[in-house]
Amino acid sequence: MKSIKLFAFVLIAALAVVSCKQDAAKDEARESLGQADASTNANLSTTTNVNGQTATAKPAEPVPVGPLTSVEFAETSFDFGEVMEGEKVVHEYKFTNTGSEPLVISNAKGSCGCTVPSWPREPIPVGGEGSIKVQFDSKGKGKVGGQPQSKRVTITANTDPANSFLTIKGKVNKDENAVTPAAPAS
């Protein structure tokens, strides 16, 4: 009976140690992802767990560390109406740093390759204003009678929550007289 109790105790202790090591490994992985240099391995990271298994994954979006602030956008959604396929729409989303610390935008990413944001790289002082320009390229997005489009841009900054979202939407028409290239002969 004593040997069963001793075995159970050793088993529980071993599980507790393994669990703590896994938590520590996860914390190290989170820290390394948050502090990863852009030049390291082209957006991929490799982690190894306590069992020796490795996994390669794309790191999470960079979240700024340090004091948090707040941002207020004049508008978070823009409807460009109707455009003809192939037109590019550019809209500027204005914002104000309404917090008590400088605003640092670490990333802005469109929901697809047709939506490209550009944002200020320098910190925006308390009370300062800035803007994020978003370009939507309607090439290949239209249809006769109009094709509704709605694209989202995710802004990552030292705010709580870390992500803010902007939307650009409208309808893309295709010229019904446009000639569609024939498929190449096989």
N, C-alpha and C. Protein backbone atom coordinates (compact mmCIF):
# COMPACT_ATOMS: atom_id res chain seq x y z
N MET A 1 0.82 -1.20 0.00
CA MET A 1 0.00 0.00 0.00
C MET A 1 0.86 1.26 0.00
N LYS A 2 1.97 1.22 0.81
CA LYS A 2 2.86 2.37 0.85
C LYS A 2 3.48 2.62 -0.52
N SER A 3 3.79 1.55 -1.24
CA SER A 3 4.42 1.73 -2.55
C SER A 3 3.45 2.37 -3.54
N ILE A 4 2.16 2.06 -3.42
CA ILE A 4 1.16 2.68 -4.31
C ILE A 4 1.05 4.17 -4.00
N LYS A 5 1.03 4.52 -2.71
CA LYS A 5 0.95 5.94 -2.32
C LYS A 5 2.20 6.67 -2.77
N LEU A 6 3.37 6.03 -2.60
CA LEU A 6 4.62 6.65 -3.01
C LEU A 6 4.63 6.85 -4.53
N PHE A 7 4.18 5.84 -5.28
CA PHE A 7 4.11 5.94 -6.73
C PHE A 7 3.18 7.08 -7.16
N ALA A 8 2.01 7.18 -6.51
CA ALA A 8 1.05 8.24 -6.83
C ALA A 8 1.65 9.61 -6.54
N PHE A 9 2.33 9.74 -5.41
CA PHE A 9 2.95 11.01 -5.04
C PHE A 9 4.02 11.41 -6.07
N VAL A 10 4.88 10.45 -6.46
CA VAL A 10 5.93 10.72 -7.44
C VAL A 10 5.31 11.10 -8.78
N LEU A 11 4.24 10.42 -9.17
CA LEU A 11 3.57 10.73 -10.43
C LEU A 11 2.99 12.15 -10.42
N ILE A 12 2.34 12.51 -9.33
CA ILE A 12 1.75 13.86 -9.23
C ILE A 12 2.85 14.92 -9.25
N ALA A 13 3.93 14.68 -8.54
CA ALA A 13 5.04 15.63 -8.51
C ALA A 13 5.65 15.78 -9.90
N ALA A 14 5.80 14.68 -10.61
CA ALA A 14 6.37 14.73 -11.96
C ALA A 14 5.47 15.52 -12.90
N LEU A 15 4.15 15.30 -12.80
CA LEU A 15 3.21 16.05 -13.64
C LEU A 15 3.27 17.55 -13.34
N ALA A 16 3.40 17.90 -12.06
CA ALA A 16 3.48 19.31 -11.68
C ALA A 16 4.73 19.95 -12.27
N VAL A 17 5.86 19.25 -12.23
CA VAL A 17 7.11 19.78 -12.77
C VAL A 17 6.99 19.95 -14.28
N VAL A 18 6.45 18.95 -14.97
CA VAL A 18 6.29 19.03 -16.42
C VAL A 18 5.37 20.19 -16.78
N SER A 19 4.29 20.35 -16.04
CA SER A 19 3.34 21.43 -16.31
C SER A 19 4.01 22.79 -16.15
N CYS A 20 4.82 22.95 -15.09
CA CYS A 20 5.51 24.22 -14.88
C CYS A 20 6.50 24.49 -16.01
N LYS A 21 7.20 23.43 -16.46
CA LYS A 21 8.16 23.60 -17.55
C LYS A 21 7.44 23.99 -18.84
N GLN A 22 6.24 23.42 -19.08
CA GLN A 22 5.49 23.77 -20.28
C GLN A 22 5.05 25.22 -20.21
N ASP A 23 4.59 25.69 -19.03
CA ASP A 23 4.19 27.08 -18.88
C ASP A 23 5.38 28.00 -19.12
N ALA A 24 6.55 27.62 -18.60
CA ALA A 24 7.75 28.44 -18.80
C ALA A 24 8.12 28.48 -20.28
N ALA A 25 8.01 27.33 -20.96
CA ALA A 25 8.32 27.28 -22.40
C ALA A 25 7.36 28.17 -23.18
N LYS A 26 6.08 28.14 -22.79
CA LYS A 26 5.10 28.99 -23.47
C LYS A 26 5.43 30.46 -23.25
N ASP A 27 5.78 30.83 -22.00
CA ASP A 27 6.14 32.22 -21.71
C ASP A 27 7.35 32.65 -22.52
N GLU A 28 8.37 31.77 -22.60
CA GLU A 28 9.55 32.09 -23.40
C GLU A 28 9.18 32.28 -24.86
N ALA A 29 8.32 31.42 -25.38
CA ALA A 29 7.90 31.53 -26.77
C ALA A 29 7.16 32.85 -27.00
N ARG A 30 6.28 33.21 -26.06
CA ARG A 30 5.55 34.48 -26.20
C ARG A 30 6.51 35.66 -26.20
N GLU A 31 7.49 35.62 -25.28
CA GLU A 31 8.46 36.71 -25.22
C GLU A 31 9.27 36.79 -26.49
N SER A 32 9.72 35.64 -27.00
CA SER A 32 10.55 35.68 -28.21
C SER A 32 9.74 36.15 -29.40
N LEU A 33 8.45 35.83 -29.47
CA LEU A 33 7.62 36.33 -30.57
C LEU A 33 7.42 37.82 -30.46
N GLY A 34 7.22 38.31 -29.25
CA GLY A 34 6.99 39.74 -29.05
C GLY A 34 8.23 40.56 -29.31
N GLN A 35 9.42 39.97 -29.12
CA GLN A 35 10.65 40.71 -29.29
C GLN A 35 11.41 40.27 -30.53
N ALA A 36 10.78 39.49 -31.41
CA ALA A 36 11.48 38.96 -32.58
C ALA A 36 11.91 40.08 -33.51
N ASP A 37 13.12 39.97 -34.01
CA ASP A 37 13.65 40.92 -34.96
C ASP A 37 13.07 40.60 -36.34
N ALA A 38 12.73 41.59 -37.11
CA ALA A 38 12.11 41.37 -38.43
C ALA A 38 13.03 40.59 -39.36
N SER A 39 14.32 40.61 -39.11
CA SER A 39 15.24 39.92 -40.00
C SER A 39 15.34 38.43 -39.71
N THR A 40 14.71 37.95 -38.66
CA THR A 40 14.86 36.54 -38.30
C THR A 40 13.86 35.68 -39.02
N ASN A 41 14.35 34.84 -39.86
CA ASN A 41 13.63 33.75 -40.53
C ASN A 41 12.32 34.13 -41.19
N ALA A 42 12.26 35.22 -41.86
CA ALA A 42 11.14 35.62 -42.73
C ALA A 42 9.77 35.30 -42.16
N ASN A 43 9.45 35.87 -41.02
CA ASN A 43 8.11 35.78 -40.41
C ASN A 43 7.76 34.39 -39.87
N LEU A 44 8.72 33.50 -39.71
CA LEU A 44 8.42 32.19 -39.15
C LEU A 44 9.18 32.02 -37.85
N SER A 45 8.59 31.29 -36.91
CA SER A 45 9.29 30.98 -35.67
C SER A 45 9.14 29.49 -35.41
N THR A 46 10.16 28.92 -34.75
CA THR A 46 10.13 27.52 -34.40
C THR A 46 10.20 27.41 -32.89
N THR A 47 9.31 26.62 -32.31
CA THR A 47 9.32 26.40 -30.87
C THR A 47 9.46 24.91 -30.60
N THR A 48 10.06 24.59 -29.48
CA THR A 48 10.23 23.20 -29.06
C THR A 48 9.61 23.06 -27.68
N ASN A 49 8.73 22.05 -27.52
CA ASN A 49 8.12 21.86 -26.21
C ASN A 49 8.98 20.90 -25.39
N VAL A 50 8.57 20.63 -24.14
CA VAL A 50 9.37 19.81 -23.23
C VAL A 50 9.52 18.38 -23.73
N ASN A 51 8.63 17.93 -24.56
CA ASN A 51 8.72 16.57 -25.09
C ASN A 51 9.62 16.49 -26.31
N GLY A 52 10.24 17.61 -26.70
CA GLY A 52 11.14 17.61 -27.83
C GLY A 52 10.46 17.80 -29.17
N GLN A 53 9.16 18.02 -29.19
CA GLN A 53 8.44 18.23 -30.44
C GLN A 53 8.62 19.68 -30.87
N THR A 54 8.80 19.88 -32.19
CA THR A 54 8.96 21.24 -32.69
C THR A 54 7.78 21.61 -33.57
N ALA A 55 7.50 22.89 -33.61
CA ALA A 55 6.42 23.40 -34.44
C ALA A 55 6.88 24.72 -35.06
N THR A 56 6.54 24.94 -36.31
CA THR A 56 6.85 26.19 -36.98
C THR A 56 5.55 26.92 -37.21
N ALA A 57 5.53 28.19 -36.84
CA ALA A 57 4.29 28.97 -36.96
C ALA A 57 4.63 30.41 -37.30
N LYS A 58 3.65 31.09 -37.87
CA LYS A 58 3.78 32.51 -38.14
C LYS A 58 3.53 33.23 -36.82
N PRO A 59 4.41 34.16 -36.41
CA PRO A 59 4.22 34.83 -35.13
C PRO A 59 2.99 35.74 -35.14
N ALA A 60 2.50 36.00 -33.96
CA ALA A 60 1.35 36.90 -33.80
C ALA A 60 1.77 38.31 -34.19
N GLU A 61 0.79 39.16 -34.48
CA GLU A 61 1.07 40.55 -34.80
C GLU A 61 1.83 41.19 -33.63
N PRO A 62 2.79 42.06 -33.93
CA PRO A 62 3.53 42.70 -32.85
C PRO A 62 2.63 43.62 -32.03
N VAL A 63 2.66 43.43 -30.74
CA VAL A 63 1.88 44.28 -29.85
C VAL A 63 2.87 45.12 -29.06
N PRO A 64 2.75 46.44 -29.13
CA PRO A 64 3.68 47.30 -28.42
C PRO A 64 3.62 47.06 -26.91
N VAL A 65 4.77 47.17 -26.29
CA VAL A 65 4.82 47.07 -24.84
C VAL A 65 5.04 48.46 -24.28
N GLY A 66 4.74 48.64 -23.01
CA GLY A 66 4.93 49.94 -22.39
C GLY A 66 3.60 50.55 -22.05
N PRO A 67 3.62 51.84 -21.77
CA PRO A 67 2.39 52.52 -21.35
C PRO A 67 1.34 52.52 -22.46
N LEU A 68 0.10 52.36 -22.05
CA LEU A 68 -1.02 52.35 -23.00
C LEU A 68 -1.63 53.74 -23.11
N THR A 69 -2.26 53.97 -24.25
CA THR A 69 -2.94 55.23 -24.51
C THR A 69 -4.26 54.91 -25.19
N SER A 70 -4.92 55.90 -25.73
CA SER A 70 -6.17 55.65 -26.46
C SER A 70 -6.18 56.49 -27.73
N VAL A 71 -6.95 56.00 -28.70
CA VAL A 71 -7.03 56.67 -29.99
C VAL A 71 -8.50 56.80 -30.36
N GLU A 72 -8.82 57.91 -31.01
CA GLU A 72 -10.19 58.13 -31.47
C GLU A 72 -10.14 58.47 -32.96
N PHE A 73 -10.85 57.67 -33.77
CA PHE A 73 -10.93 57.91 -35.20
C PHE A 73 -12.13 58.78 -35.50
N ALA A 74 -11.98 59.72 -36.45
CA ALA A 74 -13.10 60.56 -36.87
C ALA A 74 -14.17 59.68 -37.50
N GLU A 75 -13.74 58.61 -38.20
CA GLU A 75 -14.65 57.63 -38.80
C GLU A 75 -13.88 56.31 -38.89
N THR A 76 -14.59 55.21 -38.76
CA THR A 76 -13.94 53.90 -38.88
C THR A 76 -14.44 53.14 -40.10
N SER A 77 -15.40 53.70 -40.81
CA SER A 77 -15.93 53.05 -42.00
C SER A 77 -16.11 54.09 -43.10
N PHE A 78 -15.75 53.71 -44.32
CA PHE A 78 -15.91 54.60 -45.47
C PHE A 78 -16.54 53.82 -46.61
N ASP A 79 -17.62 54.37 -47.16
CA ASP A 79 -18.31 53.77 -48.30
C ASP A 79 -17.95 54.59 -49.54
N PHE A 80 -17.22 53.97 -50.47
CA PHE A 80 -16.79 54.69 -51.67
C PHE A 80 -17.85 54.70 -52.76
N GLY A 81 -19.02 54.12 -52.51
CA GLY A 81 -20.09 54.13 -53.51
C GLY A 81 -19.84 53.09 -54.58
N GLU A 82 -19.94 53.51 -55.86
CA GLU A 82 -19.74 52.58 -56.97
C GLU A 82 -18.56 53.05 -57.80
N VAL A 83 -17.72 52.10 -58.18
CA VAL A 83 -16.58 52.38 -59.06
C VAL A 83 -16.55 51.32 -60.15
N MET A 84 -15.83 51.61 -61.22
CA MET A 84 -15.64 50.64 -62.29
C MET A 84 -14.43 49.78 -61.95
N GLU A 85 -14.52 48.52 -62.32
CA GLU A 85 -13.43 47.60 -62.06
C GLU A 85 -12.11 48.16 -62.60
N GLY A 86 -11.07 48.07 -61.80
CA GLY A 86 -9.76 48.57 -62.19
C GLY A 86 -9.42 49.90 -61.54
N GLU A 87 -10.43 50.62 -61.05
CA GLU A 87 -10.16 51.89 -60.37
C GLU A 87 -9.56 51.64 -59.00
N LYS A 88 -8.74 52.59 -58.56
CA LYS A 88 -8.17 52.53 -57.21
C LYS A 88 -8.82 53.62 -56.38
N VAL A 89 -9.26 53.24 -55.18
CA VAL A 89 -9.89 54.17 -54.27
C VAL A 89 -8.93 54.40 -53.10
N VAL A 90 -8.69 55.67 -52.76
CA VAL A 90 -7.83 56.00 -51.63
C VAL A 90 -8.65 56.83 -50.65
N HIS A 91 -8.60 56.44 -49.38
CA HIS A 91 -9.30 57.20 -48.35
C HIS A 91 -8.38 57.39 -47.16
N GLU A 92 -8.50 58.56 -46.53
CA GLU A 92 -7.67 58.89 -45.38
C GLU A 92 -8.55 58.88 -44.12
N TYR A 93 -8.17 58.04 -43.16
CA TYR A 93 -8.86 57.95 -41.87
C TYR A 93 -8.07 58.78 -40.87
N LYS A 94 -8.69 59.86 -40.37
CA LYS A 94 -8.01 60.74 -39.43
C LYS A 94 -8.27 60.28 -38.00
N PHE A 95 -7.26 60.46 -37.16
CA PHE A 95 -7.40 60.06 -35.75
C PHE A 95 -6.69 61.05 -34.84
N THR A 96 -7.03 60.96 -33.54
CA THR A 96 -6.43 61.78 -32.51
C THR A 96 -5.98 60.88 -31.37
N ASN A 97 -4.80 61.16 -30.83
CA ASN A 97 -4.34 60.46 -29.64
C ASN A 97 -5.04 61.10 -28.45
N THR A 98 -6.04 60.42 -27.90
CA THR A 98 -6.84 60.97 -26.80
C THR A 98 -6.37 60.48 -25.44
N GLY A 99 -5.26 59.76 -25.41
CA GLY A 99 -4.76 59.22 -24.14
C GLY A 99 -3.74 60.13 -23.49
N SER A 100 -3.01 59.55 -22.54
CA SER A 100 -2.03 60.32 -21.78
C SER A 100 -0.59 59.90 -22.07
N GLU A 101 -0.38 59.11 -23.11
CA GLU A 101 0.95 58.65 -23.53
C GLU A 101 1.06 58.79 -25.04
N PRO A 102 2.28 58.86 -25.58
CA PRO A 102 2.43 58.89 -27.04
C PRO A 102 1.83 57.63 -27.67
N LEU A 103 1.19 57.80 -28.81
CA LEU A 103 0.58 56.69 -29.54
C LEU A 103 1.60 56.12 -30.52
N VAL A 104 1.82 54.80 -30.44
CA VAL A 104 2.75 54.13 -31.33
C VAL A 104 1.97 53.07 -32.11
N ILE A 105 1.86 53.27 -33.42
CA ILE A 105 1.20 52.29 -34.28
C ILE A 105 2.29 51.35 -34.79
N SER A 106 2.20 50.09 -34.40
CA SER A 106 3.25 49.14 -34.79
C SER A 106 2.93 48.42 -36.09
N ASN A 107 1.65 48.38 -36.49
CA ASN A 107 1.31 47.67 -37.71
C ASN A 107 -0.08 48.08 -38.20
N ALA A 108 -0.27 47.99 -39.48
CA ALA A 108 -1.59 48.15 -40.11
C ALA A 108 -1.62 47.15 -41.25
N LYS A 109 -2.65 46.32 -41.27
CA LYS A 109 -2.69 45.24 -42.25
C LYS A 109 -4.08 45.12 -42.86
N GLY A 110 -4.14 45.06 -44.19
CA GLY A 110 -5.40 44.89 -44.89
C GLY A 110 -5.84 43.45 -44.88
N SER A 111 -7.15 43.22 -45.05
CA SER A 111 -7.69 41.86 -45.03
C SER A 111 -7.33 41.08 -46.29
N CYS A 112 -6.86 41.76 -47.34
CA CYS A 112 -6.39 41.06 -48.54
C CYS A 112 -5.38 41.96 -49.24
N GLY A 113 -4.73 41.43 -50.25
CA GLY A 113 -3.69 42.17 -50.96
C GLY A 113 -4.19 43.38 -51.73
N CYS A 114 -5.49 43.47 -51.95
CA CYS A 114 -6.06 44.59 -52.70
C CYS A 114 -6.24 45.83 -51.81
N THR A 115 -6.05 45.67 -50.50
CA THR A 115 -6.26 46.76 -49.55
C THR A 115 -4.94 47.04 -48.84
N VAL A 116 -4.34 48.19 -49.15
CA VAL A 116 -3.01 48.50 -48.63
C VAL A 116 -3.05 49.78 -47.79
N PRO A 117 -2.75 49.66 -46.49
CA PRO A 117 -2.71 50.84 -45.62
C PRO A 117 -1.30 51.43 -45.53
N SER A 118 -1.21 52.72 -45.27
CA SER A 118 0.06 53.36 -44.91
C SER A 118 -0.22 54.21 -43.68
N TRP A 119 0.68 54.15 -42.71
CA TRP A 119 0.45 54.77 -41.41
C TRP A 119 1.71 55.48 -40.93
N PRO A 120 1.55 56.42 -40.01
CA PRO A 120 2.72 57.14 -39.48
C PRO A 120 3.59 56.20 -38.65
N ARG A 121 4.89 56.23 -38.88
CA ARG A 121 5.83 55.36 -38.16
C ARG A 121 6.35 56.01 -36.88
N GLU A 122 6.23 57.32 -36.79
CA GLU A 122 6.72 58.02 -35.60
C GLU A 122 5.60 58.12 -34.56
N PRO A 123 5.96 58.18 -33.27
CA PRO A 123 4.94 58.29 -32.22
C PRO A 123 4.11 59.58 -32.39
N ILE A 124 2.84 59.46 -32.10
CA ILE A 124 1.93 60.62 -32.15
C ILE A 124 1.81 61.14 -30.71
N PRO A 125 2.16 62.40 -30.46
CA PRO A 125 2.12 62.92 -29.09
C PRO A 125 0.70 63.01 -28.54
N VAL A 126 0.60 63.12 -27.23
CA VAL A 126 -0.70 63.28 -26.57
C VAL A 126 -1.42 64.48 -27.18
N GLY A 127 -2.67 64.27 -27.60
CA GLY A 127 -3.45 65.32 -28.24
C GLY A 127 -3.13 65.50 -29.71
N GLY A 128 -2.11 64.82 -30.20
CA GLY A 128 -1.69 64.95 -31.59
C GLY A 128 -2.65 64.22 -32.54
N GLU A 129 -2.57 64.63 -33.80
CA GLU A 129 -3.43 64.04 -34.82
C GLU A 129 -2.58 63.38 -35.89
N GLY A 130 -3.18 62.43 -36.56
CA GLY A 130 -2.51 61.74 -37.65
C GLY A 130 -3.55 61.15 -38.58
N SER A 131 -3.07 60.40 -39.57
CA SER A 131 -4.01 59.75 -40.48
C SER A 131 -3.41 58.46 -41.02
N ILE A 132 -4.30 57.58 -41.41
CA ILE A 132 -3.94 56.32 -42.04
C ILE A 132 -4.60 56.33 -43.41
N LYS A 133 -3.78 56.21 -44.46
CA LYS A 133 -4.32 56.16 -45.82
C LYS A 133 -4.51 54.70 -46.20
N VAL A 134 -5.66 54.42 -46.79
CA VAL A 134 -5.97 53.07 -47.23
C VAL A 134 -6.30 53.13 -48.72
N GLN A 135 -5.61 52.28 -49.50
CA GLN A 135 -5.87 52.20 -50.93
C GLN A 135 -6.50 50.85 -51.24
N PHE A 136 -7.65 50.89 -51.91
CA PHE A 136 -8.33 49.68 -52.36
C PHE A 136 -8.20 49.61 -53.87
N ASP A 137 -7.67 48.50 -54.39
CA ASP A 137 -7.52 48.29 -55.83
C ASP A 137 -8.64 47.35 -56.28
N SER A 138 -9.53 47.85 -57.14
CA SER A 138 -10.71 47.08 -57.55
C SER A 138 -10.44 46.13 -58.72
N LYS A 139 -9.21 46.03 -59.16
CA LYS A 139 -8.87 45.15 -60.28
C LYS A 139 -9.30 43.71 -59.97
N GLY A 140 -10.11 43.15 -60.88
CA GLY A 140 -10.56 41.76 -60.72
C GLY A 140 -11.67 41.57 -59.70
N LYS A 141 -12.25 42.67 -59.20
CA LYS A 141 -13.26 42.58 -58.14
C LYS A 141 -14.68 42.87 -58.62
N GLY A 142 -14.85 43.21 -59.89
CA GLY A 142 -16.15 43.65 -60.37
C GLY A 142 -17.00 42.56 -61.00
N LYS A 143 -18.25 42.93 -61.20
CA LYS A 143 -19.19 42.06 -61.91
C LYS A 143 -20.25 42.96 -62.52
N VAL A 144 -20.85 42.50 -63.63
CA VAL A 144 -21.90 43.27 -64.28
C VAL A 144 -23.04 43.42 -63.26
N GLY A 145 -23.48 44.65 -63.08
CA GLY A 145 -24.53 44.93 -62.09
C GLY A 145 -23.95 45.29 -60.73
N GLY A 146 -22.66 45.11 -60.57
CA GLY A 146 -21.99 45.51 -59.33
C GLY A 146 -21.71 44.35 -58.40
N GLN A 147 -20.53 44.37 -57.79
CA GLN A 147 -20.13 43.36 -56.82
C GLN A 147 -19.81 44.08 -55.51
N PRO A 148 -20.60 43.83 -54.46
CA PRO A 148 -20.32 44.48 -53.17
C PRO A 148 -18.94 44.05 -52.64
N GLN A 149 -18.20 45.00 -52.12
CA GLN A 149 -16.89 44.75 -51.52
C GLN A 149 -16.85 45.39 -50.14
N SER A 150 -16.26 44.70 -49.20
CA SER A 150 -16.04 45.23 -47.86
C SER A 150 -14.71 44.68 -47.38
N LYS A 151 -13.76 45.57 -47.17
CA LYS A 151 -12.41 45.18 -46.74
C LYS A 151 -12.12 45.82 -45.39
N ARG A 152 -11.33 45.10 -44.60
CA ARG A 152 -11.03 45.54 -43.23
C ARG A 152 -9.53 45.73 -43.06
N VAL A 153 -9.16 46.77 -42.34
CA VAL A 153 -7.77 47.04 -41.99
C VAL A 153 -7.64 46.93 -40.48
N THR A 154 -6.68 46.14 -40.02
CA THR A 154 -6.44 45.96 -38.59
C THR A 154 -5.25 46.83 -38.20
N ILE A 155 -5.48 47.72 -37.24
CA ILE A 155 -4.46 48.63 -36.74
C ILE A 155 -4.00 48.09 -35.38
N THR A 156 -2.69 47.87 -35.22
CA THR A 156 -2.13 47.41 -33.95
C THR A 156 -1.33 48.55 -33.34
N ALA A 157 -1.68 48.92 -32.10
CA ALA A 157 -1.03 50.05 -31.44
C ALA A 157 -0.97 49.81 -29.93
N ASN A 158 -0.34 50.73 -29.22
CA ASN A 158 -0.24 50.62 -27.77
C ASN A 158 -1.52 51.16 -27.10
N THR A 159 -2.63 50.54 -27.47
CA THR A 159 -3.95 50.89 -26.94
C THR A 159 -4.57 49.66 -26.30
N ASP A 160 -5.65 49.85 -25.58
CA ASP A 160 -6.37 48.72 -24.98
C ASP A 160 -7.81 48.78 -25.43
N PRO A 161 -8.24 47.88 -26.32
CA PRO A 161 -7.52 46.72 -26.86
C PRO A 161 -6.45 47.16 -27.85
N ALA A 162 -5.51 46.25 -28.13
CA ALA A 162 -4.37 46.56 -29.00
C ALA A 162 -4.78 46.78 -30.45
N ASN A 163 -5.90 46.19 -30.88
CA ASN A 163 -6.32 46.30 -32.28
C ASN A 163 -7.53 47.20 -32.44
N SER A 164 -7.48 48.04 -33.48
CA SER A 164 -8.62 48.85 -33.93
C SER A 164 -8.88 48.44 -35.37
N PHE A 165 -10.09 48.65 -35.84
CA PHE A 165 -10.46 48.18 -37.17
C PHE A 165 -11.06 49.31 -38.00
N LEU A 166 -10.64 49.37 -39.27
CA LEU A 166 -11.18 50.33 -40.23
C LEU A 166 -11.79 49.52 -41.37
N THR A 167 -12.87 50.05 -41.95
CA THR A 167 -13.54 49.35 -43.05
C THR A 167 -13.65 50.28 -44.25
N ILE A 168 -13.39 49.71 -45.43
CA ILE A 168 -13.60 50.42 -46.69
C ILE A 168 -14.51 49.52 -47.53
N LYS A 169 -15.62 50.11 -48.03
CA LYS A 169 -16.58 49.28 -48.74
C LYS A 169 -17.23 50.05 -49.88
N GLY A 170 -17.88 49.31 -50.73
CA GLY A 170 -18.58 49.89 -51.87
C GLY A 170 -18.92 48.80 -52.86
N LYS A 171 -19.23 49.23 -54.08
CA LYS A 171 -19.64 48.29 -55.13
C LYS A 171 -18.74 48.49 -56.34
N VAL A 172 -18.29 47.37 -56.91
CA VAL A 172 -17.41 47.41 -58.08
C VAL A 172 -18.17 46.86 -59.28
N ASN A 173 -18.33 47.72 -60.29
CA ASN A 173 -19.03 47.34 -61.51
C ASN A 173 -18.04 46.91 -62.57
N LYS A 174 -18.48 45.98 -63.40
CA LYS A 174 -17.69 45.51 -64.53
C LYS A 174 -18.40 45.97 -65.78
N ASP A 175 -17.64 46.47 -66.73
CA ASP A 175 -18.20 46.91 -68.00
C ASP A 175 -18.74 45.68 -68.74
N GLU A 176 -20.05 45.69 -69.01
CA GLU A 176 -20.65 44.51 -69.67
C GLU A 176 -20.14 44.35 -71.09
N ASN A 177 -19.54 45.39 -71.67
CA ASN A 177 -18.99 45.29 -73.03
C ASN A 177 -17.51 44.90 -73.03
N ALA A 178 -16.95 44.73 -71.83
CA ALA A 178 -15.53 44.38 -71.76
C ALA A 178 -15.32 42.97 -72.33
N VAL A 179 -14.24 42.83 -73.04
CA VAL A 179 -13.92 41.54 -73.65
C VAL A 179 -13.11 40.74 -72.65
N THR A 180 -13.60 39.54 -72.35
CA THR A 180 -12.87 38.64 -71.47
C THR A 180 -11.89 37.86 -72.30
N PRO A 181 -10.61 37.85 -71.92
CA PRO A 181 -9.64 37.10 -72.74
C PRO A 181 -9.99 35.63 -72.79
N ALA A 182 -9.81 35.05 -73.96
CA ALA A 182 -10.09 33.62 -74.14
C ALA A 182 -9.02 32.81 -73.42
N ALA A 183 -9.44 31.64 -72.95
CA ALA A 183 -8.49 30.75 -72.27
C ALA A 183 -7.51 30.22 -73.32
N PRO A 184 -6.23 30.07 -72.92
CA PRO A 184 -5.24 29.58 -73.88
C PRO A 184 -5.59 28.15 -74.30
N ALA A 185 -5.31 27.86 -75.55
CA ALA A 185 -5.58 26.50 -76.07
C ALA A 185 -4.58 25.52 -75.47
N SER A 186 -5.07 24.33 -75.15
CA SER A 186 -4.16 23.37 -74.54
C SER A 186 -3.49 22.50 -75.55
